[in-house]
PDB file of N, CA and C in Angstrom:
ATOM      1  N   MET A   1    -158.646 -34.946  64.035  1.00  0.00           N
ATOM      2  CA  MET A   1    -159.915 -36.014  64.087  1.00  0.00           C
ATOM      3  C   MET A   1    -159.594 -37.020  63.133  1.00  0.00           C
ATOM      4  N   ASN A   2    -159.764 -38.161  63.450  1.00  0.00           N
ATOM      5  CA  ASN A   2    -159.578 -39.295  62.350  1.00  0.00           C
ATOM      6  C   ASN A   2    -161.024 -39.811  61.958  1.00  0.00           C
ATOM      7  N   LYS A   3    -160.953 -40.777  60.996  1.00  0.00           N
ATOM      8  CA  LYS A   3    -162.210 -41.129  60.647  1.00  0.00           C
ATOM      9  C   LYS A   3    -163.243 -41.715  61.660  1.00  0.00           C
ATOM     10  N   SER A   4    -162.761 -42.750  62.616  1.00  0.00           N
ATOM     11  CA  SER A   4    -163.618 -43.014  63.245  1.00  0.00           C
ATOM     12  C   SER A   4    -164.099 -42.012  64.404  1.00  0.00           C
ATOM     13  N   GLU A   5    -163.470 -41.103  64.814  1.00  0.00           N
ATOM     14  CA  GLU A   5    -163.955 -40.030  65.715  1.00  0.00           C
ATOM     15  C   GLU A   5    -165.081 -39.077  64.730  1.00  0.00           C
ATOM     16  N   LEU A   6    -164.685 -39.133  63.359  1.00  0.00           N
ATOM     17  CA  LEU A   6    -165.820 -38.307  62.602  1.00  0.00           C
ATOM     18  C   LEU A   6    -167.109 -39.089  62.597  1.00  0.00           C
ATOM     19  N   ILE A   7    -167.021 -40.436  62.467  1.00  0.00           N
ATOM     20  CA  ILE A   7    -168.064 -41.306  62.300  1.00  0.00           C
ATOM     21  C   ILE A   7    -168.932 -41.296  63.752  1.00  0.00           C
ATOM     22  N   ASN A   8    -168.038 -40.906  64.908  1.00  0.00           N
ATOM     23  CA  ASN A   8    -168.803 -40.896  66.240  1.00  0.00           C
ATOM     24  C   ASN A   8    -169.589 -39.571  66.239  1.00  0.00           C
ATOM     25  N   HIS A   9    -169.116 -38.429  65.710  1.00  0.00           N
ATOM     26  CA  HIS A   9    -169.649 -37.157  65.699  1.00  0.00           C
ATOM     27  C   HIS A   9    -170.879 -37.087  64.624  1.00  0.00           C
ATOM     28  N   ILE A  10    -170.677 -37.671  63.373  1.00  0.00           N
ATOM     29  CA  ILE A  10    -171.980 -37.877  62.630  1.00  0.00           C
ATOM     30  C   ILE A  10    -173.058 -38.561  63.277  1.00  0.00           C
ATOM     31  N   SER A  11    -172.764 -39.623  63.980  1.00  0.00           N
ATOM     32  CA  SER A  11    -173.624 -40.554  64.645  1.00  0.00           C
ATOM     33  C   SER A  11    -174.491 -39.958  65.842  1.00  0.00           C
ATOM     34  N   GLU A  12    -173.729 -39.074  66.480  1.00  0.00           N
ATOM     35  CA  GLU A  12    -174.298 -38.384  67.383  1.00  0.00           C
ATOM     36  C   GLU A  12    -175.187 -37.254  66.869  1.00  0.00           C
ATOM     37  N   ASP A  13    -174.702 -36.451  65.977  1.00  0.00           N
ATOM     38  CA  ASP A  13    -175.326 -35.273  65.311  1.00  0.00           C
ATOM     39  C   ASP A  13    -176.679 -35.649  64.661  1.00  0.00           C
ATOM     40  N   ALA A  14    -176.614 -36.621  63.758  1.00  0.00           N
ATOM     41  CA  ALA A  14    -177.705 -37.226  62.964  1.00  0.00           C
ATOM     42  C   ALA A  14    -178.618 -38.179  63.832  1.00  0.00           C
ATOM     43  N   ASP A  15    -178.224 -38.465  64.818  1.00  0.00           N
ATOM     44  CA  ASP A  15    -179.222 -39.458  65.816  1.00  0.00           C
ATOM     45  C   ASP A  15    -179.437 -40.748  65.029  1.00  0.00           C
ATOM     46  N   ILE A  16    -178.077 -41.305  64.274  1.00  0.00           N
ATOM     47  CA  ILE A  16    -178.176 -42.521  63.675  1.00  0.00           C
ATOM     48  C   ILE A  16    -177.336 -43.352  64.303  1.00  0.00           C
ATOM     49  N   SER A  17    -177.087 -44.734  64.001  1.00  0.00           N
ATOM     50  CA  SER A  17    -176.264 -45.602  64.526  1.00  0.00           C
ATOM     51  C   SER A  17    -174.814 -45.481  63.839  1.00  0.00           C
ATOM     52  N   LYS A  18    -173.891 -45.779  64.512  1.00  0.00           N
ATOM     53  CA  LYS A  18    -172.584 -45.668  64.059  1.00  0.00           C
ATOM     54  C   LYS A  18    -172.310 -46.441  62.646  1.00  0.00           C
ATOM     55  N   ALA A  19    -172.865 -47.511  62.503  1.00  0.00           N
ATOM     56  CA  ALA A  19    -172.853 -48.374  61.389  1.00  0.00           C
ATOM     57  C   ALA A  19    -173.312 -47.373  60.093  1.00  0.00           C
ATOM     58  N   ALA A  20    -174.656 -46.951  60.268  1.00  0.00           N
ATOM     59  CA  ALA A  20    -175.264 -45.964  59.399  1.00  0.00           C
ATOM     60  C   ALA A  20    -174.332 -45.018  58.902  1.00  0.00           C
ATOM     61  N   ALA A  21    -173.894 -44.267  59.999  1.00  0.00           N
ATOM     62  CA  ALA A  21    -172.945 -43.070  59.752  1.00  0.00           C
ATOM     63  C   ALA A  21    -171.503 -43.584  58.977  1.00  0.00           C
ATOM     64  N   ALA A  22    -171.099 -44.621  59.184  1.00  0.00           N
ATOM     65  CA  ALA A  22    -169.657 -45.159  58.699  1.00  0.00           C
ATOM     66  C   ALA A  22    -170.323 -45.620  57.081  1.00  0.00           C
ATOM     67  N   ARG A  23    -171.365 -45.977  56.909  1.00  0.00           N
ATOM     68  CA  ARG A  23    -171.736 -46.393  55.419  1.00  0.00           C
ATOM     69  C   ARG A  23    -172.021 -44.883  54.838  1.00  0.00           C
ATOM     70  N   ALA A  24    -172.546 -44.160  55.401  1.00  0.00           N
ATOM     71  CA  ALA A  24    -172.926 -42.730  54.803  1.00  0.00           C
ATOM     72  C   ALA A  24    -171.374 -42.054  54.428  1.00  0.00           C
ATOM     73  N   LEU A  25    -170.564 -42.085  55.322  1.00  0.00           N
ATOM     74  CA  LEU A  25    -169.311 -41.430  55.461  1.00  0.00           C
ATOM     75  C   LEU A  25    -168.453 -42.176  54.060  1.00  0.00           C
ATOM     76  N   ASN A  26    -168.378 -43.318  54.097  1.00  0.00           N
ATOM     77  CA  ASN A  26    -167.676 -44.223  53.143  1.00  0.00           C
ATOM     78  C   ASN A  26    -168.336 -43.963  51.751  1.00  0.00           C
ATOM     79  N   SER A  27    -169.750 -43.949  51.647  1.00  0.00           N
ATOM     80  CA  SER A  27    -170.299 -43.595  50.365  1.00  0.00           C
ATOM     81  C   SER A  27    -169.962 -42.210  49.674  1.00  0.00           C
ATOM     82  N   PHE A  28    -170.032 -41.114  50.677  1.00  0.00           N
ATOM     83  CA  PHE A  28    -169.480 -39.886  50.475  1.00  0.00           C
ATOM     84  C   PHE A  28    -167.940 -39.809  49.855  1.00  0.00           C
ATOM     85  N   ILE A  29    -167.077 -40.641  50.637  1.00  0.00           N
ATOM     86  CA  ILE A  29    -165.674 -40.868  50.243  1.00  0.00           C
ATOM     87  C   ILE A  29    -165.485 -41.583  48.742  1.00  0.00           C
ATOM     88  N   ASP A  30    -166.426 -42.389  48.537  1.00  0.00           N
ATOM     89  CA  ASP A  30    -166.000 -43.104  47.580  1.00  0.00           C
ATOM     90  C   ASP A  30    -166.552 -42.544  46.297  1.00  0.00           C
ATOM     91  N   ASN A  31    -167.824 -41.713  46.390  1.00  0.00           N
ATOM     92  CA  ASN A  31    -168.583 -41.003  45.281  1.00  0.00           C
ATOM     93  C   ASN A  31    -167.502 -39.742  45.089  1.00  0.00           C
ATOM     94  N   VAL A  32    -167.134 -39.120  45.953  1.00  0.00           N
ATOM     95  CA  VAL A  32    -166.304 -38.016  45.547  1.00  0.00           C
ATOM     96  C   VAL A  32    -164.970 -38.470  44.851  1.00  0.00           C
ATOM     97  N   GLY A  33    -164.548 -39.621  45.284  1.00  0.00           N
ATOM     98  CA  GLY A  33    -163.290 -40.095  44.706  1.00  0.00           C
ATOM     99  C   GLY A  33    -163.427 -40.623  42.982  1.00  0.00           C
ATOM    100  N   LYS A  34    -164.735 -41.201  42.878  1.00  0.00           N
ATOM    101  CA  LYS A  34    -165.015 -41.629  41.543  1.00  0.00           C
ATOM    102  C   LYS A  34    -165.303 -40.370  40.607  1.00  0.00           C
ATOM    103  N   SER A  35    -165.810 -39.330  41.323  1.00  0.00           N
ATOM    104  CA  SER A  35    -166.190 -38.188  40.471  1.00  0.00           C
ATOM    105  C   SER A  35    -164.937 -37.560  39.849  1.00  0.00           C
ATOM    106  N   ILE A  36    -164.005 -37.372  40.939  1.00  0.00           N
ATOM    107  CA  ILE A  36    -162.650 -36.748  40.674  1.00  0.00           C
ATOM    108  C   ILE A  36    -162.036 -37.520  39.629  1.00  0.00           C
ATOM    109  N   THR A  37    -161.952 -38.768  39.816  1.00  0.00           N
ATOM    110  CA  THR A  37    -161.191 -39.728  38.937  1.00  0.00           C
ATOM    111  C   THR A  37    -161.806 -39.437  37.426  1.00  0.00           C
ATOM    112  N   LYS A  38    -162.905 -39.272  37.404  1.00  0.00           N
ATOM    113  CA  LYS A  38    -163.350 -39.032  35.925  1.00  0.00           C
ATOM    114  C   LYS A  38    -163.531 -37.556  35.406  1.00  0.00           C
ATOM    115  N   GLY A  39    -162.553 -36.774  36.244  1.00  0.00           N
ATOM    116  CA  GLY A  39    -162.404 -35.611  35.811  1.00  0.00           C
ATOM    117  C   GLY A  39    -163.434 -34.543  36.214  1.00  0.00           C
ATOM    118  N   GLN A  40    -164.558 -34.930  37.019  1.00  0.00           N
ATOM    119  CA  GLN A  40    -165.765 -34.160  37.306  1.00  0.00           C
ATOM    120  C   GLN A  40    -165.207 -33.030  38.647  1.00  0.00           C
ATOM    121  N   THR A  41    -165.957 -32.004  38.747  1.00  0.00           N
ATOM    122  CA  THR A  41    -165.690 -31.293  40.008  1.00  0.00           C
ATOM    123  C   THR A  41    -166.806 -31.600  41.145  1.00  0.00           C
ATOM    124  N   VAL A  42    -166.578 -31.657  42.270  1.00  0.00           N
ATOM    125  CA  VAL A  42    -167.413 -31.864  43.299  1.00  0.00           C
ATOM    126  C   VAL A  42    -167.640 -30.606  44.116  1.00  0.00           C
ATOM    127  N   SER A  43    -168.845 -29.848  44.108  1.00  0.00           N
ATOM    128  CA  SER A  43    -168.858 -28.637  44.814  1.00  0.00           C
ATOM    129  C   SER A  43    -170.064 -28.662  45.877  1.00  0.00           C
ATOM    130  N   LEU A  44    -169.469 -28.513  47.026  1.00  0.00           N
ATOM    131  CA  LEU A  44    -170.461 -28.497  48.273  1.00  0.00           C
ATOM    132  C   LEU A  44    -170.440 -27.040  48.639  1.00  0.00           C
ATOM    133  N   ILE A  45    -171.523 -26.418  48.310  1.00  0.00           N
ATOM    134  CA  ILE A  45    -171.755 -24.869  48.622  1.00  0.00           C
ATOM    135  C   ILE A  45    -171.491 -24.551  50.345  1.00  0.00           C
ATOM    136  N   GLY A  46    -170.789 -23.691  50.578  1.00  0.00           N
ATOM    137  CA  GLY A  46    -170.429 -23.167  51.776  1.00  0.00           C
ATOM    138  C   GLY A  46    -169.263 -24.202  52.574  1.00  0.00           C
ATOM    139  N   PHE A  47    -169.173 -25.233  51.841  1.00  0.00           N
ATOM    140  CA  PHE A  47    -167.824 -26.082  52.389  1.00  0.00           C
ATOM    141  C   PHE A  47    -166.497 -25.774  51.506  1.00  0.00           C
ATOM    142  N   GLY A  48    -166.796 -26.208  50.055  1.00  0.00           N
ATOM    143  CA  GLY A  48    -165.523 -26.251  49.135  1.00  0.00           C
ATOM    144  C   GLY A  48    -165.824 -27.057  47.990  1.00  0.00           C
ATOM    145  N   THR A  49    -164.936 -27.220  47.296  1.00  0.00           N
ATOM    146  CA  THR A  49    -164.886 -27.936  45.777  1.00  0.00           C
ATOM    147  C   THR A  49    -163.659 -28.745  45.882  1.00  0.00           C
ATOM    148  N   PHE A  50    -163.914 -29.949  45.469  1.00  0.00           N
ATOM    149  CA  PHE A  50    -162.812 -30.847  45.046  1.00  0.00           C
ATOM    150  C   PHE A  50    -162.858 -30.942  43.515  1.00  0.00           C
ATOM    151  N   SER A  51    -161.499 -30.942  43.049  1.00  0.00           N
ATOM    152  CA  SER A  51    -161.320 -31.020  41.534  1.00  0.00           C
ATOM    153  C   SER A  51    -160.018 -31.668  41.372  1.00  0.00           C
ATOM    154  N   GLN A  52    -159.898 -31.959  40.119  1.00  0.00           N
ATOM    155  CA  GLN A  52    -158.523 -32.688  39.425  1.00  0.00           C
ATOM    156  C   GLN A  52    -157.773 -31.749  38.991  1.00  0.00           C
ATOM    157  N   LYS A  53    -156.212 -31.712  39.374  1.00  0.00           N
ATOM    158  CA  LYS A  53    -155.563 -30.725  38.621  1.00  0.00           C
ATOM    159  C   LYS A  53    -154.302 -31.453  38.018  1.00  0.00           C
ATOM    160  N   LYS A  54    -153.834 -31.295  36.882  1.00  0.00           N
ATOM    161  CA  LYS A  54    -152.641 -31.695  36.238  1.00  0.00           C
ATOM    162  C   LYS A  54    -151.396 -31.028  36.465  1.00  0.00           C
ATOM    163  N   ARG A  55    -150.380 -31.762  37.096  1.00  0.00           N
ATOM    164  CA  ARG A  55    -149.179 -31.110  37.537  1.00  0.00           C
ATOM    165  C   ARG A  55    -148.420 -31.678  36.396  1.00  0.00           C
ATOM    166  N   ALA A  56    -147.556 -30.649  35.836  1.00  0.00           N
ATOM    167  CA  ALA A  56    -146.585 -30.911  34.620  1.00  0.00           C
ATOM    168  C   ALA A  56    -145.295 -31.854  35.142  1.00  0.00           C
ATOM    169  N   ALA A  57    -144.787 -32.281  34.198  1.00  0.00           N
ATOM    170  CA  ALA A  57    -143.532 -32.977  34.467  1.00  0.00           C
ATOM    171  C   ALA A  57    -142.317 -31.926  34.947  1.00  0.00           C
ATOM    172  N   ARG A  58    -141.525 -32.292  35.805  1.00  0.00           N
ATOM    173  CA  ARG A  58    -140.624 -31.180  36.129  1.00  0.00           C
ATOM    174  C   ARG A  58    -139.134 -31.979  36.662  1.00  0.00           C
ATOM    175  N   ALA A  59    -138.184 -31.110  36.725  1.00  0.00           N
ATOM    176  CA  ALA A  59    -136.968 -31.632  37.122  1.00  0.00           C
ATOM    177  C   ALA A  59    -136.664 -31.485  38.801  1.00  0.00           C
ATOM    178  N   GLY A  60    -136.107 -32.432  39.338  1.00  0.00           N
ATOM    179  CA  GLY A  60    -136.048 -32.312  40.686  1.00  0.00           C
ATOM    180  C   GLY A  60    -134.532 -32.777  41.003  1.00  0.00           C
ATOM    181  N   ARG A  61    -134.195 -33.085  42.351  1.00  0.00           N
ATOM    182  CA  ARG A  61    -132.833 -33.254  42.715  1.00  0.00           C
ATOM    183  C   ARG A  61    -132.973 -34.218  43.829  1.00  0.00           C
ATOM    184  N   ASN A  62    -132.361 -35.400  43.895  1.00  0.00           N
ATOM    185  CA  ASN A  62    -132.348 -36.281  45.101  1.00  0.00           C
ATOM    186  C   ASN A  62    -131.597 -35.660  46.134  1.00  0.00           C
ATOM    187  N   PRO A  63    -132.357 -35.439  47.410  1.00  0.00           N
ATOM    188  CA  PRO A  63    -131.793 -34.696  48.619  1.00  0.00           C
ATOM    189  C   PRO A  63    -130.429 -35.393  48.929  1.00  0.00           C
ATOM    190  N   GLN A  64    -130.409 -36.916  48.937  1.00  0.00           N
ATOM    191  CA  GLN A  64    -129.330 -37.465  49.549  1.00  0.00           C
ATOM    192  C   GLN A  64    -127.950 -37.642  48.506  1.00  0.00           C
ATOM    193  N   THR A  65    -128.183 -37.591  47.341  1.00  0.00           N
ATOM    194  CA  THR A  65    -127.010 -37.581  46.415  1.00  0.00           C
ATOM    195  C   THR A  65    -126.800 -36.202  45.670  1.00  0.00           C
ATOM    196  N   GLY A  66    -127.915 -35.324  45.518  1.00  0.00           N
ATOM    197  CA  GLY A  66    -127.763 -34.379  44.797  1.00  0.00           C
ATOM    198  C   GLY A  66    -127.997 -34.506  43.337  1.00  0.00           C
ATOM    199  N   VAL A  67    -128.307 -35.815  42.893  1.00  0.00           N
ATOM    200  CA  VAL A  67    -128.399 -36.211  41.527  1.00  0.00           C
ATOM    201  C   VAL A  67    -129.648 -35.582  40.989  1.00  0.00           C
ATOM    202  N   ALA A  68    -129.415 -34.953  39.788  1.00  0.00           N
ATOM    203  CA  ALA A  68    -130.791 -34.486  39.172  1.00  0.00           C
ATOM    204  C   ALA A  68    -131.842 -35.586  38.647  1.00  0.00           C
ATOM    205  N   ILE A  69    -132.967 -35.474  38.734  1.00  0.00           N
ATOM    206  CA  ILE A  69    -133.937 -36.549  38.389  1.00  0.00           C
ATOM    207  C   ILE A  69    -135.025 -35.974  37.700  1.00  0.00           C
ATOM    208  N   LYS A  70    -135.870 -36.671  36.918  1.00  0.00           N
ATOM    209  CA  LYS A  70    -137.069 -36.304  36.268  1.00  0.00           C
ATOM    210  C   LYS A  70    -138.287 -36.656  37.146  1.00  0.00           C
ATOM    211  N   ILE A  71    -139.261 -36.021  37.515  1.00  0.00           N
ATOM    212  CA  ILE A  71    -140.334 -36.070  38.248  1.00  0.00           C
ATOM    213  C   ILE A  71    -141.391 -36.045  36.972  1.00  0.00           C
ATOM    214  N   ALA A  72    -142.132 -37.198  36.981  1.00  0.00           N
ATOM    215  CA  ALA A  72    -143.184 -37.683  36.084  1.00  0.00           C
ATOM    216  C   ALA A  72    -144.328 -36.505  36.305  1.00  0.00           C
ATOM    217  N   ALA A  73    -145.115 -36.180  35.245  1.00  0.00           N
ATOM    218  CA  ALA A  73    -146.434 -35.545  35.219  1.00  0.00           C
ATOM    219  C   ALA A  73    -147.471 -36.328  36.140  1.00  0.00           C
ATOM    220  N   ALA A  74    -148.108 -35.780  36.721  1.00  0.00           N
ATOM    221  CA  ALA A  74    -149.404 -36.372  37.693  1.00  0.00           C
ATOM    222  C   ALA A  74    -150.591 -35.434  37.799  1.00  0.00           C
ATOM    223  N   LYS A  75    -151.677 -36.301  37.919  1.00  0.00           N
ATOM    224  CA  LYS A  75    -152.897 -35.762  38.317  1.00  0.00           C
ATOM    225  C   LYS A  75    -152.948 -35.750  39.870  1.00  0.00           C
ATOM    226  N   VAL A  76    -153.548 -34.390  40.299  1.00  0.00           N
ATOM    227  CA  VAL A  76    -153.348 -34.344  41.738  1.00  0.00           C
ATOM    228  C   VAL A  76    -155.023 -33.859  42.128  1.00  0.00           C
ATOM    229  N   VAL A  77    -155.428 -34.135  43.630  1.00  0.00           N
ATOM    230  CA  VAL A  77    -156.634 -33.757  43.835  1.00  0.00           C
ATOM    231  C   VAL A  77    -156.427 -32.125  44.461  1.00  0.00           C
ATOM    232  N   LYS A  78    -157.268 -31.331  44.400  1.00  0.00           N
ATOM    233  CA  LYS A  78    -156.998 -30.064  44.746  1.00  0.00           C
ATOM    234  C   LYS A  78    -158.404 -29.546  45.398  1.00  0.00           C
ATOM    235  N   PHE A  79    -158.455 -28.844  46.545  1.00  0.00           N
ATOM    236  CA  PHE A  79    -159.527 -28.756  47.352  1.00  0.00           C
ATOM    237  C   PHE A  79    -159.372 -27.172  47.682  1.00  0.00           C
ATOM    238  N   THR A  80    -160.492 -26.296  47.384  1.00  0.00           N
ATOM    239  CA  THR A  80    -160.618 -25.099  47.432  1.00  0.00           C
ATOM    240  C   THR A  80    -161.735 -24.802  48.305  1.00  0.00           C
ATOM    241  N   PRO A  81    -161.425 -24.316  49.520  1.00  0.00           N
ATOM    242  CA  PRO A  81    -162.532 -23.863  50.531  1.00  0.00           C
ATOM    243  C   PRO A  81    -163.429 -22.910  50.218  1.00  0.00           C
ATOM    244  N   GLY A  82    -164.767 -23.114  50.506  1.00  0.00           N
ATOM    245  CA  GLY A  82    -165.555 -22.080  50.378  1.00  0.00           C
ATOM    246  C   GLY A  82    -165.484 -21.106  51.301  1.00  0.00           C
ATOM    247  N   LYS A  83    -166.414 -20.029  51.013  1.00  0.00           N
ATOM    248  CA  LYS A  83    -166.576 -18.732  51.707  1.00  0.00           C
ATOM    249  C   LYS A  83    -166.798 -19.106  53.210  1.00  0.00           C
ATOM    250  N   ALA A  84    -167.898 -19.863  53.433  1.00  0.00           N
ATOM    251  CA  ALA A  84    -168.377 -20.109  54.746  1.00  0.00           C
ATOM    252  C   ALA A  84    -167.550 -21.052  55.522  1.00  0.00           C
ATOM    253  N   LEU A  85    -166.614 -21.704  54.974  1.00  0.00           N
ATOM    254  CA  LEU A  85    -165.695 -22.541  55.544  1.00  0.00           C
ATOM    255  C   LEU A  85    -164.449 -21.460  56.055  1.00  0.00           C
ATOM    256  N   LYS A  86    -164.106 -20.715  55.158  1.00  0.00           N
ATOM    257  CA  LYS A  86    -163.041 -19.703  55.410  1.00  0.00           C
ATOM    258  C   LYS A  86    -163.557 -18.944  56.557  1.00  0.00           C
ATOM    259  N   ASP A  87    -164.604 -18.472  56.360  1.00  0.00           N
ATOM    260  CA  ASP A  87    -165.321 -17.568  57.550  1.00  0.00           C
ATOM    261  C   ASP A  87    -164.972 -18.288  58.799  1.00  0.00           C
ATOM    262  N   ARG A  88    -165.544 -19.500  59.068  1.00  0.00           N
ATOM    263  CA  ARG A  88    -165.737 -20.030  60.276  1.00  0.00           C
ATOM    264  C   ARG A  88    -164.064 -20.264  60.540  1.00  0.00           C
ATOM    265  N   VAL A  89    -163.233 -20.569  59.873  1.00  0.00           N
ATOM    266  CA  VAL A  89    -161.900 -20.797  60.183  1.00  0.00           C
ATOM    267  C   VAL A  89    -161.224 -19.649  60.768  1.00  0.00           C
ATOM    268  N   ASN A  90    -161.605 -18.515  60.072  1.00  0.00           N
ATOM    269  CA  ASN A  90    -161.159 -17.144  60.548  1.00  0.00           C
ATOM    270  C   ASN A  90    -161.844 -16.405  61.625  1.00  0.00           C
ATOM    271  N   LYS A  91    -163.153 -16.834  61.835  1.00  0.00           N
ATOM    272  CA  LYS A  91    -164.070 -16.347  62.737  1.00  0.00           C
ATOM    273  C   LYS A  91    -164.528 -14.775  62.652  1.00  0.00           C
ATOM    274  N   ARG A  92    -164.968 -14.711  61.274  1.00  0.00           N
ATOM    275  CA  ARG A  92    -165.240 -13.243  60.843  1.00  0.00           C
ATOM    276  C   ARG A  92    -166.822 -13.031  61.307  1.00  0.00           C
TER     277      ARG A  92
END
């Protein structure tokens, strides 16, 4: 499912216009991104938790040449699914 398909589903399920559904989804994405950028955690009970994680610098290897390279430290987004989502995927 892509973003436009998700907007269509939200529009139908919530009985709102596609424009309103698009604004709501874009607002959700924007606010989750802002919170994670600030180092905050976003928890949606039953769905999951979005958080920021620090990845340490490490050594790597260029697959084409085999030359060793340094990979810089980075901040990455982590998603941990909630119990209800896990159960739904595994149909328990």
